[in-house]
Amino acid sequence: MSNLLRSQDGAKKYRKYRATGALERGCPLCSKIAVETFRHWKIVRNDFPYDLIAKEHDMIVPLRHVKEEGLTAHELKEYGVIKKDHLQKYDYIIEPHEDAKSISKHFHLHLIIGKKNIS
């Protein structure tokens, strides 16, 4: 899906990054600096945004390195509060299908402020 949402330049930049083996050497989401931090979650900028559709593209990720099925009740409850109280500036919250996730071992959701007048 991400190749459908990135420009050719953006997709090329992402392919080059992946070709370095960076995703196999560790989790880039664990080390990302937060734009905003909560008790169990952080919001981070996406270095490889869906630039065909997004004016801004952040991600919300749990502070723990965990897959979705490993999220605790406390983490899920806090996500619900964050979604209600802090994510209104975003137009879309996107979760790719499991097969389309390039970082499948650290749960994350894409937060998009859409471009206007996309043709």
N, C-alpha and C. Protein backbone atom coordinates (compact mmCIF):
# COMPACT_ATOMS: atom_id res chain seq x y z
N MET A 1 0.82 -1.20 0.00
CA MET A 1 0.00 0.00 0.00
C MET A 1 0.86 1.25 0.00
N SER A 2 1.97 1.24 0.76
CA SER A 2 2.76 2.46 0.89
C SER A 2 3.29 2.96 -0.44
N ASN A 3 3.58 2.03 -1.38
CA ASN A 3 4.05 2.47 -2.69
C ASN A 3 2.97 3.20 -3.46
N LEU A 4 1.71 2.94 -3.13
CA LEU A 4 0.61 3.65 -3.77
C LEU A 4 0.43 5.05 -3.19
N LEU A 5 0.98 5.28 -2.01
CA LEU A 5 0.77 6.54 -1.31
C LEU A 5 1.99 7.44 -1.30
N ARG A 6 3.11 6.94 -1.81
CA ARG A 6 4.33 7.74 -1.89
C ARG A 6 4.60 8.13 -3.34
N SER A 7 5.16 9.30 -3.50
CA SER A 7 5.59 9.73 -4.82
C SER A 7 6.73 8.82 -5.28
N GLN A 8 7.10 8.91 -6.54
CA GLN A 8 8.23 8.11 -7.04
C GLN A 8 9.50 8.44 -6.26
N ASP A 9 9.73 9.73 -6.01
CA ASP A 9 10.92 10.12 -5.25
C ASP A 9 10.86 9.59 -3.81
N GLY A 10 9.70 9.71 -3.19
CA GLY A 10 9.54 9.21 -1.83
C GLY A 10 9.72 7.70 -1.75
N ALA A 11 9.17 6.98 -2.71
CA ALA A 11 9.31 5.53 -2.74
C ALA A 11 10.77 5.13 -2.98
N LYS A 12 11.44 5.86 -3.84
CA LYS A 12 12.86 5.58 -4.12
C LYS A 12 13.70 5.79 -2.86
N LYS A 13 13.45 6.88 -2.16
CA LYS A 13 14.16 7.17 -0.91
C LYS A 13 13.93 6.06 0.11
N TYR A 14 12.70 5.56 0.21
CA TYR A 14 12.38 4.50 1.16
C TYR A 14 13.04 3.18 0.75
N ARG A 15 13.02 2.87 -0.54
CA ARG A 15 13.68 1.64 -1.02
C ARG A 15 15.17 1.68 -0.72
N LYS A 16 15.81 2.83 -0.92
CA LYS A 16 17.24 2.97 -0.61
C LYS A 16 17.50 2.73 0.87
N TYR A 17 16.65 3.29 1.70
CA TYR A 17 16.78 3.10 3.15
C TYR A 17 16.66 1.62 3.51
N ARG A 18 15.65 0.96 2.97
CA ARG A 18 15.46 -0.47 3.27
C ARG A 18 16.62 -1.31 2.75
N ALA A 19 17.18 -0.91 1.63
CA ALA A 19 18.30 -1.66 1.05
C ALA A 19 19.55 -1.62 1.93
N THR A 20 19.62 -0.63 2.82
CA THR A 20 20.77 -0.56 3.73
C THR A 20 20.70 -1.63 4.82
N GLY A 21 19.55 -2.28 4.95
CA GLY A 21 19.37 -3.29 5.99
C GLY A 21 19.01 -2.70 7.34
N ALA A 22 18.68 -1.42 7.37
CA ALA A 22 18.38 -0.75 8.64
C ALA A 22 17.24 -1.41 9.41
N LEU A 23 16.24 -1.92 8.71
CA LEU A 23 15.10 -2.53 9.39
C LEU A 23 15.47 -3.86 10.03
N GLU A 24 16.50 -4.51 9.52
CA GLU A 24 16.95 -5.78 10.08
C GLU A 24 17.91 -5.58 11.26
N ARG A 25 18.49 -4.41 11.37
CA ARG A 25 19.47 -4.14 12.44
C ARG A 25 18.83 -3.68 13.74
N GLY A 26 17.58 -3.36 13.71
CA GLY A 26 16.91 -2.89 14.92
C GLY A 26 15.62 -2.18 14.56
N CYS A 27 14.90 -1.80 15.56
CA CYS A 27 13.61 -1.15 15.35
C CYS A 27 13.78 0.36 15.29
N PRO A 28 13.51 0.96 14.13
CA PRO A 28 13.63 2.42 14.04
C PRO A 28 12.59 3.16 14.86
N LEU A 29 11.48 2.52 15.16
CA LEU A 29 10.44 3.19 15.94
C LEU A 29 10.83 3.33 17.41
N CYS A 30 11.58 2.37 17.92
CA CYS A 30 12.01 2.43 19.32
C CYS A 30 12.93 3.63 19.56
N SER A 31 13.76 3.95 18.58
CA SER A 31 14.74 5.02 18.77
C SER A 31 14.29 6.38 18.26
N LYS A 32 13.11 6.44 17.65
CA LYS A 32 12.62 7.72 17.12
C LYS A 32 12.35 8.71 18.26
N ILE A 33 12.76 9.93 18.05
CA ILE A 33 12.50 11.00 19.01
C ILE A 33 11.04 11.42 18.89
N ALA A 34 10.40 11.56 20.04
CA ALA A 34 8.98 11.87 20.08
C ALA A 34 8.71 13.34 19.83
N VAL A 35 7.62 13.59 19.12
CA VAL A 35 7.07 14.94 18.99
C VAL A 35 6.22 15.22 20.23
N GLU A 36 5.57 14.17 20.71
CA GLU A 36 4.74 14.25 21.91
C GLU A 36 4.80 12.88 22.59
N THR A 37 4.90 12.89 23.92
CA THR A 37 5.00 11.65 24.67
C THR A 37 3.88 11.57 25.70
N PHE A 38 3.37 10.36 25.85
CA PHE A 38 2.33 10.06 26.83
C PHE A 38 2.89 8.97 27.76
N ARG A 39 2.08 8.47 28.64
CA ARG A 39 2.58 7.45 29.58
C ARG A 39 3.02 6.17 28.85
N HIS A 40 2.21 5.71 27.88
CA HIS A 40 2.49 4.46 27.18
C HIS A 40 2.75 4.63 25.68
N TRP A 41 2.61 5.82 25.16
CA TRP A 41 2.67 6.06 23.71
C TRP A 41 3.53 7.27 23.40
N LYS A 42 3.93 7.37 22.15
CA LYS A 42 4.57 8.58 21.65
C LYS A 42 4.12 8.81 20.21
N ILE A 43 4.15 10.07 19.83
CA ILE A 43 3.89 10.45 18.45
C ILE A 43 5.23 10.85 17.86
N VAL A 44 5.54 10.29 16.67
CA VAL A 44 6.80 10.56 15.99
C VAL A 44 6.53 10.97 14.55
N ARG A 45 7.46 11.69 13.97
CA ARG A 45 7.37 12.04 12.55
C ARG A 45 7.73 10.82 11.71
N ASN A 46 7.10 10.70 10.57
CA ASN A 46 7.45 9.65 9.63
C ASN A 46 8.51 10.19 8.68
N ASP A 47 9.67 9.56 8.67
CA ASP A 47 10.77 9.99 7.79
C ASP A 47 10.49 9.70 6.32
N PHE A 48 9.54 8.82 6.07
CA PHE A 48 9.19 8.43 4.70
C PHE A 48 7.69 8.57 4.51
N PRO A 49 7.21 9.81 4.49
CA PRO A 49 5.76 10.05 4.51
C PRO A 49 5.05 9.59 3.24
N TYR A 50 3.76 9.41 3.38
CA TYR A 50 2.89 9.13 2.24
C TYR A 50 2.63 10.47 1.55
N ASP A 51 3.63 10.93 0.84
CA ASP A 51 3.65 12.30 0.34
C ASP A 51 2.69 12.57 -0.82
N LEU A 52 2.10 11.55 -1.40
CA LEU A 52 1.08 11.80 -2.42
C LEU A 52 -0.21 12.30 -1.80
N ILE A 53 -0.46 11.92 -0.56
CA ILE A 53 -1.73 12.29 0.06
C ILE A 53 -1.57 13.15 1.32
N ALA A 54 -0.37 13.16 1.90
CA ALA A 54 -0.20 13.77 3.21
C ALA A 54 0.54 15.10 3.17
N LYS A 55 -0.06 16.09 3.79
CA LYS A 55 0.65 17.35 4.05
C LYS A 55 1.55 17.15 5.26
N GLU A 56 1.06 16.41 6.26
CA GLU A 56 1.85 16.01 7.42
C GLU A 56 1.59 14.53 7.68
N HIS A 57 2.64 13.84 8.11
CA HIS A 57 2.51 12.39 8.35
C HIS A 57 3.32 12.02 9.58
N ASP A 58 2.61 11.75 10.65
CA ASP A 58 3.21 11.29 11.89
C ASP A 58 2.76 9.85 12.13
N MET A 59 3.27 9.27 13.20
CA MET A 59 2.84 7.94 13.62
C MET A 59 2.69 7.92 15.13
N ILE A 60 1.74 7.14 15.60
CA ILE A 60 1.63 6.92 17.03
C ILE A 60 2.09 5.49 17.30
N VAL A 61 2.99 5.35 18.27
CA VAL A 61 3.59 4.05 18.57
C VAL A 61 3.63 3.86 20.08
N PRO A 62 3.45 2.61 20.54
CA PRO A 62 3.63 2.37 21.97
C PRO A 62 5.10 2.53 22.33
N LEU A 63 5.37 2.97 23.53
CA LEU A 63 6.75 3.11 23.98
C LEU A 63 7.45 1.76 24.05
N ARG A 64 6.67 0.72 24.37
CA ARG A 64 7.23 -0.63 24.37
C ARG A 64 7.30 -1.18 22.96
N HIS A 65 8.30 -1.97 22.68
CA HIS A 65 8.41 -2.68 21.40
C HIS A 65 7.47 -3.87 21.49
N VAL A 66 6.28 -3.74 20.87
CA VAL A 66 5.25 -4.75 21.04
C VAL A 66 4.36 -4.79 19.80
N LYS A 67 3.90 -5.98 19.46
CA LYS A 67 2.91 -6.13 18.40
C LYS A 67 1.53 -5.79 18.96
N GLU A 68 0.59 -5.59 18.08
CA GLU A 68 -0.76 -5.19 18.51
C GLU A 68 -1.35 -6.16 19.52
N GLU A 69 -1.20 -7.45 19.27
CA GLU A 69 -1.81 -8.43 20.17
C GLU A 69 -1.17 -8.44 21.56
N GLY A 70 -0.02 -7.80 21.72
CA GLY A 70 0.65 -7.74 23.01
C GLY A 70 0.35 -6.49 23.81
N LEU A 71 -0.45 -5.59 23.24
CA LEU A 71 -0.80 -4.36 23.97
C LEU A 71 -1.60 -4.70 25.22
N THR A 72 -1.30 -4.00 26.30
CA THR A 72 -2.02 -4.23 27.55
C THR A 72 -3.32 -3.43 27.58
N ALA A 73 -4.16 -3.76 28.52
CA ALA A 73 -5.41 -3.02 28.70
C ALA A 73 -5.13 -1.55 29.00
N HIS A 74 -4.08 -1.28 29.78
CA HIS A 74 -3.71 0.11 30.10
C HIS A 74 -3.28 0.86 28.85
N GLU A 75 -2.50 0.21 28.00
CA GLU A 75 -2.07 0.85 26.76
C GLU A 75 -3.25 1.12 25.83
N LEU A 76 -4.13 0.16 25.71
CA LEU A 76 -5.30 0.34 24.84
C LEU A 76 -6.22 1.43 25.37
N LYS A 77 -6.39 1.46 26.68
CA LYS A 77 -7.25 2.50 27.28
C LYS A 77 -6.64 3.88 27.03
N GLU A 78 -5.33 4.00 27.24
CA GLU A 78 -4.70 5.30 27.01
C GLU A 78 -4.78 5.69 25.54
N TYR A 79 -4.61 4.74 24.63
CA TYR A 79 -4.74 5.06 23.21
C TYR A 79 -6.12 5.66 22.92
N GLY A 80 -7.16 5.08 23.51
CA GLY A 80 -8.50 5.61 23.32
C GLY A 80 -8.62 7.06 23.78
N VAL A 81 -8.00 7.38 24.89
CA VAL A 81 -8.02 8.76 25.41
C VAL A 81 -7.22 9.68 24.47
N ILE A 82 -6.05 9.22 24.05
CA ILE A 82 -5.22 10.02 23.13
C ILE A 82 -5.99 10.28 21.84
N LYS A 83 -6.61 9.25 21.30
CA LYS A 83 -7.36 9.38 20.05
C LYS A 83 -8.46 10.42 20.20
N LYS A 84 -9.14 10.39 21.32
CA LYS A 84 -10.26 11.32 21.55
C LYS A 84 -9.78 12.74 21.82
N ASP A 85 -8.71 12.88 22.60
CA ASP A 85 -8.30 14.19 23.10
C ASP A 85 -7.13 14.85 22.37
N HIS A 86 -6.34 14.08 21.62
CA HIS A 86 -5.12 14.65 21.05
C HIS A 86 -4.96 14.48 19.54
N LEU A 87 -5.78 13.69 18.91
CA LEU A 87 -5.55 13.40 17.50
C LEU A 87 -6.52 14.10 16.55
N GLN A 88 -7.27 15.09 17.07
CA GLN A 88 -8.27 15.76 16.22
C GLN A 88 -7.65 16.52 15.06
N LYS A 89 -6.38 16.91 15.17
CA LYS A 89 -5.78 17.69 14.09
C LYS A 89 -5.54 16.84 12.85
N TYR A 90 -5.55 15.51 13.01
CA TYR A 90 -5.31 14.62 11.88
C TYR A 90 -6.61 14.30 11.16
N ASP A 91 -6.53 14.17 9.85
CA ASP A 91 -7.70 13.81 9.05
C ASP A 91 -7.92 12.30 9.04
N TYR A 92 -6.84 11.54 9.10
CA TYR A 92 -6.93 10.08 8.97
C TYR A 92 -5.99 9.38 9.95
N ILE A 93 -6.44 8.24 10.43
CA ILE A 93 -5.59 7.30 11.17
C ILE A 93 -5.59 6.05 10.31
N ILE A 94 -4.41 5.66 9.83
CA ILE A 94 -4.31 4.55 8.89
C ILE A 94 -3.52 3.40 9.52
N GLU A 95 -4.06 2.21 9.39
CA GLU A 95 -3.35 1.00 9.80
C GLU A 95 -3.26 0.07 8.59
N PRO A 96 -2.07 -0.12 8.05
CA PRO A 96 -1.93 -1.05 6.93
C PRO A 96 -2.24 -2.49 7.36
N HIS A 97 -2.66 -3.28 6.41
CA HIS A 97 -2.85 -4.71 6.65
C HIS A 97 -1.52 -5.33 7.06
N GLU A 98 -1.56 -6.39 7.84
CA GLU A 98 -0.34 -7.02 8.37
C GLU A 98 0.69 -7.29 7.28
N ASP A 99 0.25 -7.76 6.12
CA ASP A 99 1.18 -8.08 5.02
C ASP A 99 1.84 -6.84 4.42
N ALA A 100 1.26 -5.67 4.65
CA ALA A 100 1.78 -4.43 4.05
C ALA A 100 2.67 -3.65 5.02
N LYS A 101 2.80 -4.13 6.25
CA LYS A 101 3.60 -3.40 7.25
C LYS A 101 5.08 -3.70 7.05
N SER A 102 5.87 -2.66 6.94
CA SER A 102 7.32 -2.87 6.84
C SER A 102 7.96 -3.02 8.21
N ILE A 103 7.31 -2.50 9.24
CA ILE A 103 7.77 -2.67 10.62
C ILE A 103 6.63 -3.37 11.36
N SER A 104 6.56 -4.67 11.21
CA SER A 104 5.41 -5.41 11.74
C SER A 104 5.56 -5.79 13.20
N LYS A 105 6.76 -5.69 13.76
CA LYS A 105 6.97 -6.15 15.13
C LYS A 105 6.83 -5.04 16.17
N HIS A 106 6.57 -3.81 15.72
CA HIS A 106 6.30 -2.71 16.64
C HIS A 106 5.03 -2.03 16.14
N PHE A 107 3.96 -2.25 16.87
CA PHE A 107 2.66 -1.70 16.47
C PHE A 107 2.76 -0.19 16.26
N HIS A 108 2.13 0.28 15.22
CA HIS A 108 2.07 1.72 14.97
C HIS A 108 0.91 2.02 14.04
N LEU A 109 0.42 3.23 14.15
CA LEU A 109 -0.64 3.73 13.28
C LEU A 109 -0.16 5.02 12.64
N HIS A 110 -0.54 5.22 11.39
CA HIS A 110 -0.15 6.41 10.65
C HIS A 110 -1.18 7.51 10.87
N LEU A 111 -0.69 8.70 11.18
CA LEU A 111 -1.53 9.87 11.43
C LEU A 111 -1.31 10.85 10.29
N ILE A 112 -2.38 11.14 9.57
CA ILE A 112 -2.26 11.91 8.33
C ILE A 112 -3.08 13.19 8.38
N ILE A 113 -2.44 14.30 8.04
CA ILE A 113 -3.15 15.52 7.66
C ILE A 113 -3.08 15.54 6.14
N GLY A 114 -4.23 15.42 5.51
CA GLY A 114 -4.27 15.27 4.07
C GLY A 114 -4.00 16.54 3.31
N LYS A 115 -3.47 16.35 2.12
CA LYS A 115 -3.32 17.46 1.19
C LYS A 115 -4.70 17.83 0.70
N LYS A 116 -4.90 19.09 0.49
CA LYS A 116 -6.18 19.55 -0.05
C LYS A 116 -6.05 19.65 -1.56
N ASN A 117 -7.16 19.48 -2.23
CA ASN A 117 -7.22 19.62 -3.69
C ASN A 117 -6.27 18.65 -4.40
N ILE A 118 -6.27 17.39 -3.95
CA ILE A 118 -5.47 16.37 -4.64
C ILE A 118 -6.20 16.02 -5.93
N SER A 119 -5.46 16.02 -7.01
CA SER A 119 -6.13 15.67 -8.29
C SER A 119 -5.60 14.37 -8.82
